[in-house]
Amino acid sequence: MGSIAKKGLQKYLLQLQHHPLRTKAITAAVLSGISDTVSQKLSGISKLQLRRILLKMLFGFAYLGPFGHYMYMLLDKIFKGKRDSKTVAKKVVLEQLTSSPCNNLLFMIYYGVVVEGRPWMHVKTRIKQEYPKVQMTAWTFWPVVGWINHQYVPLQFRVIFSSLVAFCWGIFLNLRARAMTLPKTALPKSN
């Protein structure tokens, strides 16, 4: 079994070396799909919503993987590949002030309009209500991830690292949202 995993990892790394954009896009898609599947199961959905999973995979493939690929390359170009603490802090601040707000806004629009199929006016109202909380929450968590990513993770693995963290983050957010929407009678009483 170990040799199968080792061969699979070697093939993956070879694909990452020869076709980095494609490999990162596919990785982001697969992790987005698995994250949504796990979220649906943990939140008590008995029958998986395949359309939702496929649309999340499309978002990972078409946006998350390619965007991360080019963003990390651009940041390394801007800061000439430096990884000292001062430069890493600048990268994290720049990332959090530019791409983080855009990514969260784009995801909320995509999720509301495309995945949930809600009318634009409803999505717009929901964004006005929820976006500030979502962004503030992101700013309490993702800078640490960004620091680790820029300080310790080689450039070719940064999208993959972010996708793995986003996998867990997506599950956490889904479960949190589910807990907030459960009626109070469904929650166990504490003694």
Protein backbone atom coordinates (compact mmCIF):
# COMPACT_ATOMS: atom_id res chain seq x y z
CA MET A 1 0.00 0.00 0.00
CA GLY A 2 2.84 2.38 0.84
CA SER A 3 4.41 1.92 -2.57
CA ILE A 4 1.11 2.75 -4.30
CA ALA A 5 0.85 6.00 -2.34
CA LYS A 6 4.50 6.79 -3.02
CA LYS A 7 4.05 6.19 -6.77
CA GLY A 8 0.90 8.30 -6.76
CA LEU A 9 2.70 11.14 -5.01
CA GLN A 10 5.60 10.92 -7.46
CA LYS A 11 3.20 11.10 -10.41
CA TYR A 12 1.40 14.03 -8.81
CA LEU A 13 4.66 15.91 -8.24
CA LEU A 14 5.69 15.21 -11.83
CA GLN A 15 2.37 16.64 -13.08
CA LEU A 16 2.84 19.64 -10.78
CA GLN A 17 6.28 20.22 -12.28
CA HIS A 18 5.26 19.81 -15.93
CA HIS A 19 1.71 21.23 -15.79
CA PRO A 20 1.54 23.46 -12.69
CA LEU A 21 -1.56 25.49 -13.56
CA ARG A 22 -3.63 22.49 -14.64
CA THR A 23 -2.54 20.43 -11.63
CA LYS A 24 -3.34 23.22 -9.16
CA ALA A 25 -6.74 23.83 -10.80
CA ILE A 26 -7.65 20.14 -10.64
CA THR A 27 -6.40 19.89 -7.05
CA ALA A 28 -8.47 22.92 -6.00
CA ALA A 29 -11.52 21.43 -7.74
CA VAL A 30 -11.17 18.02 -6.08
CA LEU A 31 -10.59 19.51 -2.63
CA SER A 32 -13.56 21.88 -3.07
CA GLY A 33 -15.78 18.95 -4.03
CA ILE A 34 -14.63 16.76 -1.15
CA SER A 35 -14.99 19.64 1.31
CA ASP A 36 -18.55 20.26 0.22
CA THR A 37 -19.37 16.54 0.37
CA VAL A 38 -18.01 16.28 3.92
CA SER A 39 -19.85 19.49 4.90
CA GLN A 40 -23.14 18.16 3.56
CA LYS A 41 -22.74 14.87 5.41
CA LEU A 42 -21.67 16.48 8.70
CA SER A 43 -24.54 18.96 8.55
CA GLY A 44 -27.07 16.13 8.34
CA ILE A 45 -28.06 16.18 4.67
CA SER A 46 -29.15 12.63 3.94
CA LYS A 47 -28.95 12.81 0.14
CA LEU A 48 -25.92 14.56 -1.30
CA GLN A 49 -26.63 17.53 -3.55
CA LEU A 50 -24.51 16.57 -6.55
CA ARG A 51 -25.21 19.80 -8.45
CA ARG A 52 -23.87 21.82 -5.51
CA ILE A 53 -20.72 19.67 -5.33
CA LEU A 54 -20.09 20.02 -9.07
CA LEU A 55 -20.59 23.78 -8.96
CA LYS A 56 -18.15 24.07 -6.05
CA MET A 57 -15.67 21.97 -8.03
CA LEU A 58 -16.13 24.27 -11.02
CA PHE A 59 -15.37 27.27 -8.79
CA GLY A 60 -12.22 25.55 -7.51
CA PHE A 61 -11.10 24.58 -11.01
CA ALA A 62 -11.94 27.78 -12.86
CA TYR A 63 -11.10 30.32 -10.17
CA LEU A 64 -9.39 29.18 -6.96
CA GLY A 65 -6.59 27.13 -8.53
CA PRO A 66 -5.68 29.55 -11.34
CA PHE A 67 -6.09 32.67 -9.21
CA GLY A 68 -3.84 31.28 -6.48
CA HIS A 69 -1.28 30.10 -9.04
CA TYR A 70 -0.89 33.56 -10.55
CA MET A 71 -1.28 35.48 -7.29
CA TYR A 72 1.56 33.62 -5.55
CA MET A 73 3.79 33.98 -8.61
CA LEU A 74 3.03 37.72 -8.74
CA LEU A 75 3.74 38.20 -5.04
CA ASP A 76 7.06 36.39 -5.38
CA LYS A 77 7.90 38.55 -8.41
CA ILE A 78 6.97 41.78 -6.61
CA PHE A 79 9.08 40.83 -3.59
CA LYS A 80 11.78 39.07 -5.66
CA GLY A 81 11.21 35.70 -3.94
CA LYS A 82 12.42 36.97 -0.55
CA ARG A 83 11.26 35.05 2.53
CA ASP A 84 12.61 37.13 5.41
CA SER A 85 10.09 38.06 8.11
CA LYS A 86 9.64 41.66 6.97
CA THR A 87 8.95 40.60 3.37
CA VAL A 88 6.59 37.81 4.45
CA ALA A 89 4.65 40.34 6.56
CA LYS A 90 4.33 42.62 3.51
CA LYS A 91 3.11 39.71 1.36
CA VAL A 92 0.51 38.73 3.95
CA VAL A 93 -0.74 42.32 4.36
CA LEU A 94 -0.95 42.82 0.59
CA GLU A 95 -2.74 39.51 0.13
CA GLN A 96 -5.20 40.25 2.94
CA LEU A 97 -6.00 43.77 1.72
CA THR A 98 -6.44 42.84 -1.94
CA SER A 99 -7.22 39.23 -2.76
CA SER A 100 -8.96 38.24 0.47
CA PRO A 101 -11.82 40.78 0.16
CA CYS A 102 -12.21 40.04 -3.55
CA ASN A 103 -12.19 36.27 -3.05
CA ASN A 104 -14.80 36.41 -0.30
CA LEU A 105 -17.06 38.74 -2.26
CA LEU A 106 -16.76 36.70 -5.44
CA PHE A 107 -17.45 33.46 -3.56
CA MET A 108 -20.55 34.93 -1.88
CA ILE A 109 -21.88 36.11 -5.25
CA TYR A 110 -21.10 32.79 -6.95
CA TYR A 111 -22.55 30.73 -4.13
CA GLY A 112 -25.74 32.80 -3.88
CA VAL A 113 -26.47 33.25 -7.58
CA VAL A 114 -25.04 30.09 -9.15
CA VAL A 115 -24.99 27.41 -6.45
CA GLU A 116 -28.17 28.37 -4.58
CA GLY A 117 -29.88 29.93 -7.63
CA ARG A 118 -31.17 32.93 -5.69
CA PRO A 119 -32.20 36.20 -7.36
CA TRP A 120 -29.53 38.91 -7.50
CA MET A 121 -31.50 41.26 -5.22
CA HIS A 122 -31.66 38.60 -2.48
CA VAL A 123 -27.93 37.84 -2.85
CA LYS A 124 -27.08 41.54 -2.79
CA THR A 125 -29.05 42.04 0.43
CA ARG A 126 -27.42 39.00 2.02
CA ILE A 127 -23.96 40.26 1.04
CA LYS A 128 -24.66 43.66 2.61
CA GLN A 129 -25.63 41.89 5.84
CA GLU A 130 -23.02 39.12 5.96
CA TYR A 131 -19.96 40.31 4.04
CA PRO A 132 -18.45 42.47 6.82
CA LYS A 133 -18.69 39.55 9.30
CA VAL A 134 -17.26 37.10 6.78
CA GLN A 135 -14.33 39.40 5.97
CA MET A 136 -13.57 40.17 9.60
CA THR A 137 -13.60 36.46 10.41
CA ALA A 138 -11.30 35.81 7.46
CA TRP A 139 -8.89 38.46 8.74
CA THR A 140 -8.64 36.67 12.09
CA PHE A 141 -7.73 33.32 10.53
CA TRP A 142 -6.17 33.64 7.07
CA PRO A 143 -3.22 35.93 7.93
CA VAL A 144 -1.74 33.10 10.02
CA VAL A 145 -2.22 30.71 7.10
CA GLY A 146 -0.68 33.29 4.76
CA TRP A 147 2.32 33.70 7.06
CA ILE A 148 2.96 29.96 7.17
CA ASN A 149 2.40 29.69 3.42
CA HIS A 150 4.80 32.49 2.45
CA GLN A 151 7.41 31.69 5.11
CA TYR A 152 7.65 27.91 4.92
CA VAL A 153 5.88 26.54 1.84
CA PRO A 154 7.72 26.45 -1.51
CA LEU A 155 6.01 28.44 -4.29
CA GLN A 156 4.80 25.39 -6.24
CA PHE A 157 2.92 24.07 -3.17
CA ARG A 158 1.27 27.30 -1.93
CA VAL A 159 -2.00 26.86 -3.83
CA ILE A 160 -2.20 23.27 -2.62
CA PHE A 161 -1.54 24.31 0.98
CA SER A 162 -4.19 27.05 0.76
CA SER A 163 -6.64 24.58 -0.81
CA LEU A 164 -6.06 22.10 2.03
CA VAL A 165 -6.67 24.78 4.65
CA ALA A 166 -9.71 26.03 2.70
CA PHE A 167 -10.99 22.43 2.75
CA CYS A 168 -11.06 22.50 6.56
CA TRP A 169 -12.21 26.13 6.71
CA GLY A 170 -15.17 25.35 4.43
CA ILE A 171 -16.27 22.50 6.66
CA PHE A 172 -15.98 24.70 9.75
CA LEU A 173 -18.01 27.53 8.18
CA ASN A 174 -20.67 25.15 6.91
CA LEU A 175 -21.12 23.54 10.32
CA ARG A 176 -21.16 26.94 12.02
CA ALA A 177 -23.82 28.20 9.63
CA ARG A 178 -25.85 25.04 10.19
CA ALA A 179 -25.68 25.44 13.98
CA MET A 180 -26.81 29.06 13.70
CA THR A 181 -29.86 28.13 11.60
CA LEU A 182 -31.09 25.22 13.74
CA PRO A 183 -34.23 26.10 15.68
CA LYS A 184 -33.62 26.40 19.43
CA THR A 185 -35.88 23.40 20.10
CA ALA A 186 -33.53 21.21 18.07
CA LEU A 187 -30.57 22.02 20.28
CA PRO A 188 -29.97 19.81 23.32
CA LYS A 189 -30.86 21.38 26.65
CA SER A 190 -28.05 21.97 29.10
CA ASN A 191 -28.60 21.16 32.76
